[in-house]
Amino acid sequence: MSSVVTRFAPSPTGYLHIGGARTALFNWLYARRFGGRMLLRIEDTDRERSTQGAIDAILDGMRWLGLDWDGDVIYQYARAERHREAAMSLLDSGNAYRCYATPEELTAMREAARAEGRPLRYDGRWRDRDPSDAPAGVKPVIRLRAPTEGETVVEDAVQGRVVWQNKDLDDLVLLRSDGNPTYMLAVVVDDHDMGVTQVIRGDDHLTNAARQRQIFDALGWEAPAMAHIPLIHGADGAKLSKRHGALGVDAYRDLGYLPAALRNYLVRLGWSHGDQEVFSTEEMVAAFDLKAIGRSPARFDFAKLENLNGLYIRGAADADLVQAIADVLPALGPSRGIPVPMAPDLRDRLNAAMPGLKERAKTLVELLDSAYYLTAMRPLVLDEKAKGLLGDEARARLAALLPALEALPDWDAAATEGAVRHFAEANGLKLGQIAQPLRAALTGRATSPPVFDVMAVLGRAECLGRLHDQIPG
């Protein structure tokens, strides 16, 4: 087995964000590319904001996207004692110290820096002070004794060589006064203990990389390789936010996107492989390379995602699409009057109709809505365009056609088409003059899959019943 180990480490304060999903995908692809492992760590140290509901949403989103992780889920908060142990070892080695600065002192420090136009940094007042000077009743924090000279360097696979001057980095807190470890310490200890060899995350973490590198060095541990990927922006170039549309993976599922299509779309946000746009999972794994990730933010284009999703729908097996609709039916069914779970007879009808349905749809929502004629109860509610096709003259033609349909010995697409064509020719009509109102009466819509395919799927009894509903008297 390869020694490559990546990790996806979300904070459970909400849904699985689309940017987080791409980060998870990149970690997954890198691990699979080199035959390594991707671990999943839930960074739940923020106890006030972390929720079980958010954890469930992250795990569900990962599973839906097909991004499996190796081993058990690791929960950061459960490892707090190990993090404290690391902080104590830094105290023992002289690489950390107890700081007794009061909240009032820290506030005054910040206000003075703000007034003088300086960065808001801790001034190191307890760095070399004798602990015997400690004020009574003040619980200390433990701070890293960070280097004050030289520079901290991260060789980043995406950003290149990134350098920070140590004089610009202050002594960060490792352990709070209540004994709880900070995020910075917990990440370093967890990455080390989990054997992480490659960190792939958003470039909003780039400044954290310098801090974490200093902690790795102080503990005498080898830091993992780093790759900080640009964030995803909206089509307007601004950082992706709620105003740009859906953000959570669960929302894309309920909007009718296929996981394979979303995976394909996300991999091309910031990464490229020549001019190739469509990738199977195997092709993604074989081609993925950190060097091919650009430094500029990728722009999320909903129209492009929709077109790609349509491509995946057209290429999917009919039974797989029916199952995909069944999976999202709890979110889509109630507002459309479709019972959940999917009834066996509806499943059969959808399977039969799918070849015609999937050619036009770009999402599962469109697919389901175009199958309205399969799910609707009699009498059908006609939309405005369908009503326009069913004037008095059109209804009279349907009434005249009905005996020919009722007399058919066989009911399939060829038989019904033959009867309708014969009726049109005998009455001097163009096929559309009878086929269009027929479609409106049978589906309640002006557009649908080929009308004779519709008739075959609905069956004789349902078709004749719907036609009788639209014929006066």
Protein backbone atom coordinates (compact mmCIF):
# COMPACT_ATOMS: atom_id res chain seq x y z
CA MET A 1 0.00 0.00 0.00
CA SER A 2 1.18 3.53 -0.80
CA SER A 3 2.34 5.73 2.06
CA VAL A 4 0.21 8.63 0.78
CA VAL A 5 -2.35 9.78 3.36
CA THR A 6 -4.71 12.71 2.81
CA ARG A 7 -7.49 13.96 5.01
CA PHE A 8 -10.72 15.91 4.65
CA ALA A 9 -11.36 17.86 7.83
CA PRO A 10 -14.64 19.82 7.82
CA SER A 11 -16.08 21.77 10.74
CA PRO A 12 -19.63 20.58 11.52
CA THR A 13 -21.27 23.98 11.76
CA GLY A 14 -23.58 23.55 8.73
CA TYR A 15 -24.14 21.54 5.56
CA LEU A 16 -21.36 20.19 3.33
CA HIS A 17 -20.51 23.34 1.39
CA ILE A 18 -19.87 23.01 -2.35
CA GLY A 19 -16.32 24.29 -1.78
CA GLY A 20 -15.80 21.67 0.92
CA ALA A 21 -17.12 19.02 -1.44
CA ARG A 22 -14.49 19.99 -4.01
CA THR A 23 -11.77 19.88 -1.32
CA ALA A 24 -12.96 16.41 -0.32
CA LEU A 25 -12.94 15.32 -3.98
CA PHE A 26 -9.38 16.57 -4.53
CA ASN A 27 -8.17 14.75 -1.39
CA TRP A 28 -10.01 11.60 -2.46
CA LEU A 29 -8.61 11.71 -6.00
CA TYR A 30 -5.04 12.30 -4.80
CA ALA A 31 -5.22 9.38 -2.38
CA ARG A 32 -6.77 7.06 -4.98
CA ARG A 33 -4.31 8.21 -7.65
CA PHE A 34 -1.37 7.01 -5.56
CA GLY A 35 -3.05 3.99 -3.99
CA GLY A 36 -3.10 5.68 -0.59
CA ARG A 37 -5.75 6.49 1.99
CA MET A 38 -8.10 9.42 2.59
CA LEU A 39 -9.12 9.92 6.19
CA LEU A 40 -12.13 11.88 7.43
CA ARG A 41 -11.75 14.07 10.51
CA ILE A 42 -14.60 16.10 11.98
CA GLU A 43 -13.14 19.27 13.52
CA ASP A 44 -15.72 19.73 16.24
CA THR A 45 -13.67 21.68 18.79
CA ASP A 46 -16.09 24.63 18.52
CA ARG A 47 -18.66 23.09 20.85
CA GLU A 48 -21.16 25.94 20.58
CA ARG A 49 -21.45 25.81 16.80
CA SER A 50 -20.88 22.09 16.13
CA THR A 51 -24.07 20.07 15.78
CA GLN A 52 -24.93 16.43 15.20
CA GLY A 53 -27.23 17.50 12.38
CA ALA A 54 -24.30 19.12 10.59
CA ILE A 55 -22.15 16.01 11.11
CA ASP A 56 -24.92 13.86 9.60
CA ALA A 57 -25.25 16.26 6.65
CA ILE A 58 -21.50 16.07 5.96
CA LEU A 59 -21.42 12.27 6.10
CA ASP A 60 -24.58 11.99 3.96
CA GLY A 61 -23.16 14.44 1.42
CA MET A 62 -19.89 12.54 1.18
CA ARG A 63 -21.69 9.23 0.69
CA TRP A 64 -24.03 10.70 -1.93
CA LEU A 65 -21.05 12.07 -3.88
CA GLY A 66 -19.44 8.63 -3.77
CA LEU A 67 -16.43 9.86 -1.77
CA ASP A 68 -15.67 7.00 0.59
CA TRP A 69 -13.10 7.46 3.34
CA ASP A 70 -10.73 4.95 4.88
CA GLY A 71 -11.13 3.77 8.47
CA ASP A 72 -13.41 5.24 11.11
CA VAL A 73 -14.40 8.90 11.26
CA ILE A 74 -12.06 10.75 13.63
CA TYR A 75 -13.61 13.32 15.96
CA GLN A 76 -11.20 16.05 16.99
CA TYR A 77 -12.87 16.95 20.28
CA ALA A 78 -12.55 13.35 21.50
CA ARG A 79 -8.77 13.74 21.23
CA ALA A 80 -8.52 16.81 23.49
CA GLU A 81 -6.47 14.99 26.11
CA ARG A 82 -3.87 14.07 23.50
CA HIS A 83 -3.75 17.73 22.38
CA ARG A 84 -3.19 18.85 26.00
CA GLU A 85 -0.42 16.29 26.32
CA ALA A 86 1.35 17.83 23.30
CA ALA A 87 1.03 21.33 24.81
CA MET A 88 2.58 20.09 28.05
CA SER A 89 5.49 18.55 26.14
CA LEU A 90 6.12 21.95 24.54
CA LEU A 91 6.14 23.53 28.00
CA ASP A 92 8.64 20.94 29.18
CA SER A 93 10.93 21.55 26.20
CA GLY A 94 10.81 25.33 26.62
CA ASN A 95 8.99 25.78 23.29
CA ALA A 96 5.88 27.10 25.03
CA TYR A 97 5.15 29.20 28.11
CA ARG A 98 2.33 30.19 30.42
CA CYS A 99 0.86 33.62 29.74
CA TYR A 100 -1.05 35.37 32.53
CA ALA A 101 -2.14 38.42 30.54
CA THR A 102 -5.66 39.39 31.63
CA PRO A 103 -8.50 40.03 29.16
CA GLU A 104 -8.22 43.73 30.07
CA GLU A 105 -4.53 43.76 29.19
CA LEU A 106 -5.18 42.03 25.87
CA THR A 107 -7.92 44.54 25.04
CA ALA A 108 -5.60 47.44 25.86
CA MET A 109 -2.89 45.83 23.69
CA ARG A 110 -5.27 45.60 20.73
CA GLU A 111 -6.54 49.16 21.15
CA ALA A 112 -3.02 50.56 21.33
CA ALA A 113 -2.00 48.68 18.20
CA ARG A 114 -5.13 49.91 16.40
CA ALA A 115 -4.47 53.50 17.43
CA GLU A 116 -0.87 53.28 16.18
CA GLY A 117 -1.85 51.53 12.95
CA ARG A 118 0.07 48.37 13.88
CA PRO A 119 -1.09 44.77 13.29
CA LEU A 120 -3.06 43.33 16.23
CA ARG A 121 -0.46 41.02 17.76
CA TYR A 122 0.34 39.80 21.27
CA ASP A 123 3.41 41.66 22.55
CA GLY A 124 5.10 38.69 24.26
CA ARG A 125 5.03 40.22 27.74
CA TRP A 126 5.04 36.82 29.50
CA ARG A 127 7.48 35.17 27.10
CA ASP A 128 10.55 35.56 29.34
CA ARG A 129 8.91 36.59 32.59
CA ASP A 130 9.37 34.56 35.75
CA PRO A 131 6.24 32.48 36.46
CA SER A 132 6.60 33.52 40.14
CA ASP A 133 5.31 36.93 38.99
CA ALA A 134 1.99 35.33 38.12
CA PRO A 135 -0.98 37.30 39.50
CA ALA A 136 -3.21 35.50 41.94
CA GLY A 137 -6.46 34.04 40.62
CA VAL A 138 -5.57 34.29 36.91
CA LYS A 139 -5.66 31.06 34.95
CA PRO A 140 -2.96 31.17 32.26
CA VAL A 141 -3.12 30.26 28.62
CA ILE A 142 -0.22 28.34 27.10
CA ARG A 143 1.45 30.08 24.16
CA LEU A 144 3.92 28.84 21.58
CA ARG A 145 7.38 30.36 21.97
CA ALA A 146 7.56 31.19 18.27
CA PRO A 147 10.84 32.17 16.61
CA THR A 148 11.30 35.95 16.44
CA GLU A 149 14.01 36.01 13.78
CA GLY A 150 14.37 34.45 10.35
CA GLU A 151 11.45 33.22 8.31
CA THR A 152 8.91 30.44 8.10
CA VAL A 153 8.67 28.83 4.65
CA VAL A 154 6.02 26.58 3.11
CA GLU A 155 6.74 24.97 -0.26
CA ASP A 156 3.19 24.76 -1.55
CA ALA A 157 2.27 22.49 -4.47
CA VAL A 158 -0.19 25.09 -5.80
CA GLN A 159 0.96 28.46 -4.43
CA GLY A 160 4.68 27.84 -4.81
CA ARG A 161 7.19 29.01 -2.19
CA VAL A 162 5.40 31.07 0.48
CA VAL A 163 7.51 32.99 3.02
CA TRP A 164 6.55 34.71 6.28
CA GLN A 165 8.89 36.86 8.32
CA ASN A 166 8.90 35.47 11.86
CA LYS A 167 8.94 38.96 13.36
CA ASP A 168 5.43 39.38 11.90
CA LEU A 169 4.05 36.26 13.63
CA ASP A 170 3.22 36.42 17.34
CA ASP A 171 3.13 33.71 20.01
CA LEU A 172 -0.17 31.99 19.34
CA VAL A 173 -2.29 30.35 22.04
CA LEU A 174 -2.06 26.55 22.18
CA LEU A 175 -4.16 25.89 25.27
CA ARG A 176 -6.91 28.20 26.51
CA SER A 177 -7.23 29.18 30.16
CA ASP A 178 -10.00 26.58 30.59
CA GLY A 179 -7.56 23.88 29.44
CA ASN A 180 -9.15 23.39 26.02
CA PRO A 181 -6.76 23.14 23.07
CA THR A 182 -7.00 25.59 20.19
CA TYR A 183 -7.75 24.63 16.63
CA MET A 184 -4.16 25.34 15.55
CA LEU A 185 -2.68 22.87 18.02
CA ALA A 186 -5.36 20.22 17.47
CA VAL A 187 -4.84 20.22 13.68
CA VAL A 188 -1.08 19.72 14.00
CA VAL A 189 -1.35 16.91 16.55
CA ASP A 190 -4.10 15.15 14.61
CA ASP A 191 -2.29 15.41 11.25
CA HIS A 192 0.84 13.96 12.89
CA ASP A 193 -0.93 11.14 14.72
CA MET A 194 -3.01 10.25 11.64
CA GLY A 195 0.14 10.01 9.51
CA VAL A 196 -1.08 12.64 7.04
CA THR A 197 1.49 13.13 4.28
CA GLN A 198 -0.37 15.63 2.08
CA VAL A 199 -2.68 18.47 3.16
CA ILE A 200 -5.02 19.73 0.42
CA ARG A 201 -7.35 22.55 1.52
CA GLY A 202 -8.66 25.98 0.56
CA ASP A 203 -6.22 28.88 0.32
CA ASP A 204 -8.11 30.66 3.08
CA HIS A 205 -6.01 28.37 5.31
CA LEU A 206 -2.70 29.60 3.89
CA THR A 207 -1.90 31.86 6.85
CA ASN A 208 -2.67 28.91 9.15
CA ALA A 209 0.04 26.97 7.34
CA ALA A 210 2.76 29.23 8.76
CA ARG A 211 1.43 28.87 12.31
CA GLN A 212 1.04 25.13 12.01
CA ARG A 213 4.50 24.77 10.49
CA GLN A 214 5.94 26.50 13.56
CA ILE A 215 4.09 24.09 15.87
CA PHE A 216 5.34 21.09 13.86
CA ASP A 217 8.91 22.40 14.16
CA ALA A 218 8.57 23.06 17.90
CA LEU A 219 7.34 19.49 18.44
CA GLY A 220 10.17 18.10 16.32
CA TRP A 221 7.76 16.50 13.86
CA GLU A 222 7.93 16.42 10.08
CA ALA A 223 5.20 18.58 8.56
CA PRO A 224 3.06 17.14 5.74
CA ALA A 225 3.35 18.54 2.22
CA MET A 226 0.93 21.39 1.55
CA ALA A 227 -1.37 22.34 -1.31
CA HIS A 228 -3.68 25.34 -0.87
CA ILE A 229 -6.31 25.55 -3.60
CA PRO A 230 -8.05 28.79 -4.66
CA LEU A 231 -11.60 29.31 -3.44
CA ILE A 232 -14.66 29.05 -5.66
CA HIS A 233 -16.23 32.32 -6.80
CA GLY A 234 -19.62 33.11 -8.26
CA ALA A 235 -20.07 34.02 -11.93
CA ASP A 236 -19.61 37.70 -10.93
CA GLY A 237 -16.14 37.04 -9.52
CA ALA A 238 -17.17 37.49 -5.88
CA LYS A 239 -16.61 34.76 -3.28
CA LEU A 240 -19.38 32.16 -3.58
CA SER A 241 -22.20 32.98 -1.20
CA LYS A 242 -25.91 32.33 -0.71
CA ARG A 243 -26.83 35.08 -3.15
CA HIS A 244 -25.23 33.05 -5.95
CA GLY A 245 -27.61 30.16 -5.35
CA ALA A 246 -27.40 26.75 -3.71
CA LEU A 247 -24.39 26.14 -1.49
CA GLY A 248 -24.92 22.78 0.19
CA VAL A 249 -24.42 19.43 -1.50
CA ASP A 250 -27.82 18.35 -0.16
CA ALA A 251 -29.43 21.20 -2.10
CA TYR A 252 -27.83 20.06 -5.37
CA ARG A 253 -29.17 16.57 -4.74
CA ASP A 254 -32.69 17.95 -4.24
CA LEU A 255 -32.31 20.18 -7.32
CA GLY A 256 -31.93 17.01 -9.35
CA TYR A 257 -28.21 16.79 -10.06
CA LEU A 258 -26.55 13.39 -10.40
CA PRO A 259 -23.56 12.77 -8.12
CA ALA A 260 -21.38 11.69 -11.04
CA ALA A 261 -22.17 14.92 -12.90
CA LEU A 262 -21.47 17.08 -9.85
CA ARG A 263 -18.18 15.24 -9.25
CA ASN A 264 -17.20 15.83 -12.87
CA TYR A 265 -18.13 19.51 -12.64
CA LEU A 266 -16.27 20.05 -9.36
CA VAL A 267 -13.05 18.42 -10.58
CA ARG A 268 -12.88 20.99 -13.39
CA LEU A 269 -13.24 23.90 -10.96
CA GLY A 270 -9.59 24.86 -10.68
CA TRP A 271 -8.05 21.68 -12.16
CA SER A 272 -7.60 20.86 -15.83
CA HIS A 273 -6.32 18.04 -18.00
CA GLY A 274 -5.82 19.45 -21.46
CA ASP A 275 -9.15 20.37 -23.04
CA GLN A 276 -11.02 17.38 -21.60
CA GLU A 277 -14.31 18.33 -19.93
CA VAL A 278 -16.03 14.99 -19.33
CA PHE A 279 -14.32 12.45 -17.09
CA SER A 280 -15.28 9.05 -15.83
CA THR A 281 -14.24 8.42 -12.24
CA GLU A 282 -11.44 6.17 -13.47
CA GLU A 283 -10.17 8.89 -15.82
CA MET A 284 -10.21 11.46 -13.02
CA VAL A 285 -8.21 9.22 -10.71
CA ALA A 286 -5.65 8.39 -13.41
CA ALA A 287 -5.14 12.02 -14.45
CA PHE A 288 -5.37 13.96 -11.17
CA ASP A 289 -2.25 15.95 -10.35
CA LEU A 290 -1.70 18.86 -7.95
CA LYS A 291 0.54 20.60 -10.51
CA ALA A 292 -2.47 21.08 -12.79
CA ILE A 293 -4.42 23.13 -10.23
CA GLY A 294 -4.43 26.82 -11.13
CA ARG A 295 -3.80 29.69 -8.73
CA SER A 296 -6.80 31.78 -9.81
CA PRO A 297 -10.23 31.32 -8.23
CA ALA A 298 -12.60 29.14 -10.26
CA ARG A 299 -16.00 30.57 -11.20
CA PHE A 300 -19.10 28.51 -10.54
CA ASP A 301 -21.31 28.42 -13.64
CA PHE A 302 -24.77 26.93 -13.00
CA ALA A 303 -25.59 26.76 -16.73
CA LYS A 304 -22.45 24.70 -17.38
CA LEU A 305 -23.29 22.35 -14.52
CA GLU A 306 -26.83 21.96 -15.85
CA ASN A 307 -25.62 21.12 -19.36
CA LEU A 308 -23.14 18.59 -17.99
CA ASN A 309 -25.88 17.06 -15.85
CA GLY A 310 -28.08 16.72 -18.93
CA LEU A 311 -25.25 14.87 -20.66
CA TYR A 312 -24.99 12.46 -17.73
CA ILE A 313 -28.79 11.96 -17.66
CA ARG A 314 -28.85 11.08 -21.38
CA GLY A 315 -26.02 8.61 -20.87
CA ALA A 316 -27.43 6.96 -17.75
CA ALA A 317 -29.20 3.60 -17.68
CA ASP A 318 -32.99 3.99 -17.49
CA ALA A 319 -33.31 1.93 -14.30
CA ASP A 320 -30.58 4.02 -12.63
CA LEU A 321 -32.46 7.24 -13.41
CA VAL A 322 -35.70 5.82 -12.01
CA GLN A 323 -33.85 4.90 -8.83
CA ALA A 324 -32.29 8.37 -8.68
CA ILE A 325 -35.79 9.89 -8.87
CA ALA A 326 -36.99 7.51 -6.17
CA ASP A 327 -34.09 8.64 -3.96
CA VAL A 328 -35.06 12.34 -4.20
CA LEU A 329 -38.80 11.71 -4.10
CA PRO A 330 -39.03 12.57 -0.35
CA ALA A 331 -37.95 16.12 -1.29
CA LEU A 332 -39.79 16.43 -4.61
CA GLY A 333 -42.84 14.19 -4.32
CA PRO A 334 -45.11 15.85 -1.72
CA SER A 335 -45.41 19.19 -3.58
CA ARG A 336 -46.32 17.27 -6.74
CA GLY A 337 -48.85 14.98 -5.08
CA ILE A 338 -46.66 11.90 -5.66
CA PRO A 339 -46.71 9.39 -2.79
CA VAL A 340 -43.44 8.42 -1.07
CA PRO A 341 -42.00 5.84 -1.43
CA MET A 342 -42.46 5.39 -5.18
CA ALA A 343 -45.30 3.01 -6.04
CA PRO A 344 -44.30 -0.10 -8.05
CA ASP A 345 -46.66 0.74 -10.92
CA LEU A 346 -45.17 4.25 -11.23
CA ARG A 347 -41.68 2.73 -11.22
CA ASP A 348 -42.73 0.45 -14.09
CA ARG A 349 -44.21 3.33 -16.08
CA LEU A 350 -41.15 5.51 -15.56
CA ASN A 351 -38.90 2.68 -16.70
CA ALA A 352 -40.96 2.26 -19.85
CA ALA A 353 -41.10 6.00 -20.58
CA MET A 354 -37.49 6.86 -19.67
CA PRO A 355 -35.94 6.56 -23.16
CA GLY A 356 -38.16 9.40 -24.35
CA LEU A 357 -38.09 11.42 -21.12
CA LYS A 358 -34.34 11.62 -20.61
CA GLU A 359 -33.52 13.11 -24.02
CA ARG A 360 -34.74 16.59 -23.02
CA ALA A 361 -34.18 16.84 -19.27
CA LYS A 362 -31.16 18.54 -17.68
CA THR A 363 -32.07 17.68 -14.07
CA LEU A 364 -34.06 15.01 -12.26
CA VAL A 365 -36.58 17.74 -11.40
CA GLU A 366 -37.16 18.41 -15.10
CA LEU A 367 -37.29 14.66 -15.67
CA LEU A 368 -39.97 14.21 -13.02
CA ASP A 369 -41.96 17.22 -14.20
CA SER A 370 -41.85 16.01 -17.81
CA ALA A 371 -43.27 12.73 -16.51
CA TYR A 372 -46.26 14.59 -15.08
CA TYR A 373 -48.53 12.60 -17.38
CA LEU A 374 -47.41 9.38 -15.64
CA THR A 375 -48.03 10.63 -12.11
CA ALA A 376 -51.11 12.82 -12.58
CA MET A 377 -54.53 11.75 -11.32
CA ARG A 378 -57.63 11.98 -13.53
CA PRO A 379 -59.01 14.32 -14.59
CA LEU A 380 -55.73 15.96 -15.60
CA VAL A 381 -55.10 19.60 -14.78
CA LEU A 382 -54.16 21.20 -18.11
CA ASP A 383 -51.54 23.92 -18.31
CA GLU A 384 -52.34 27.06 -20.32
CA LYS A 385 -50.67 25.87 -23.53
CA ALA A 386 -52.52 22.56 -23.38
CA LYS A 387 -55.82 24.40 -22.88
CA GLY A 388 -55.03 26.43 -26.00
CA LEU A 389 -54.69 23.21 -28.01
CA LEU A 390 -58.03 21.85 -26.83
CA GLY A 391 -60.57 24.21 -28.35
CA ASP A 392 -64.05 23.04 -29.37
CA GLU A 393 -62.88 21.95 -32.84
CA ALA A 394 -59.97 19.95 -31.42
CA ARG A 395 -62.21 18.23 -28.87
CA ALA A 396 -64.66 17.32 -31.62
CA ARG A 397 -61.83 15.70 -33.61
CA LEU A 398 -60.79 13.69 -30.55
CA ALA A 399 -64.39 12.53 -30.13
CA ALA A 400 -64.41 11.38 -33.77
CA LEU A 401 -61.04 9.60 -33.32
CA LEU A 402 -62.10 7.75 -30.18
CA PRO A 403 -64.00 4.83 -31.82
CA ALA A 404 -60.96 3.98 -33.98
CA LEU A 405 -58.76 3.81 -30.88
CA GLU A 406 -61.31 1.81 -28.92
CA ALA A 407 -61.48 -0.74 -31.75
CA LEU A 408 -57.72 -1.43 -31.83
CA PRO A 409 -57.00 -5.13 -31.14
CA ASP A 410 -53.40 -4.35 -30.05
CA TRP A 411 -52.25 -1.32 -28.06
CA ASP A 412 -48.68 -0.26 -28.73
CA ALA A 413 -46.92 2.73 -30.31
CA ALA A 414 -47.13 1.35 -33.86
CA ALA A 415 -50.83 0.46 -33.61
CA THR A 416 -51.94 3.79 -32.16
CA GLU A 417 -49.81 5.74 -34.66
CA GLY A 418 -51.35 3.78 -37.54
CA ALA A 419 -54.89 4.50 -36.31
CA VAL A 420 -54.22 8.24 -35.84
CA ARG A 421 -52.49 8.60 -39.22
CA HIS A 422 -55.36 6.79 -40.96
CA PHE A 423 -57.86 9.07 -39.22
CA ALA A 424 -55.95 12.21 -40.23
CA GLU A 425 -55.71 11.12 -43.89
CA ALA A 426 -59.36 10.12 -44.04
CA ASN A 427 -60.39 13.53 -42.70
CA GLY A 428 -57.96 15.65 -44.71
CA LEU A 429 -55.97 16.68 -41.67
CA LYS A 430 -52.25 17.09 -41.10
CA LEU A 431 -50.96 14.70 -38.45
CA GLY A 432 -50.20 17.60 -36.07
CA GLN A 433 -53.80 18.77 -36.16
CA ILE A 434 -54.86 15.61 -34.33
CA ALA A 435 -51.59 14.63 -32.61
CA GLN A 436 -51.21 17.97 -30.79
CA PRO A 437 -54.65 18.00 -29.09
CA LEU A 438 -54.19 14.26 -28.44
CA ARG A 439 -50.93 15.05 -26.60
CA ALA A 440 -52.62 17.84 -24.61
CA ALA A 441 -55.51 15.59 -23.56
CA LEU A 442 -53.24 12.70 -22.55
CA THR A 443 -50.45 14.64 -20.79
CA GLY A 444 -51.95 17.99 -19.78
CA ARG A 445 -48.97 19.64 -21.50
CA ALA A 446 -48.10 20.97 -24.97
CA THR A 447 -44.76 19.14 -24.97
CA SER A 448 -43.94 15.57 -24.05
CA PRO A 449 -42.03 12.57 -25.34
CA PRO A 450 -43.40 11.22 -28.67
CA VAL A 451 -47.15 10.97 -28.22
CA PHE A 452 -47.45 7.38 -29.43
CA ASP A 453 -44.76 6.31 -26.96
CA VAL A 454 -46.80 8.11 -24.29
CA MET A 455 -49.88 6.15 -25.29
CA ALA A 456 -47.97 2.86 -25.11
CA VAL A 457 -46.68 3.62 -21.62
CA LEU A 458 -50.03 4.82 -20.26
CA GLY A 459 -51.90 1.83 -21.64
CA ARG A 460 -55.30 1.47 -23.29
CA ALA A 461 -57.57 2.00 -20.26
CA GLU A 462 -55.79 5.12 -18.97
CA CYS A 463 -55.59 6.71 -22.44
CA LEU A 464 -59.23 6.14 -23.26
CA GLY A 465 -60.26 7.38 -19.84
CA ARG A 466 -58.25 10.60 -20.21
CA LEU A 467 -59.69 11.20 -23.68
CA HIS A 468 -63.24 10.75 -22.38
CA ASP A 469 -62.47 13.31 -19.65
CA GLN A 470 -61.74 15.96 -22.33
CA ILE A 471 -64.65 15.21 -24.66
CA PRO A 472 -67.91 17.06 -23.88
CA GLY A 473 -71.06 15.09 -23.31
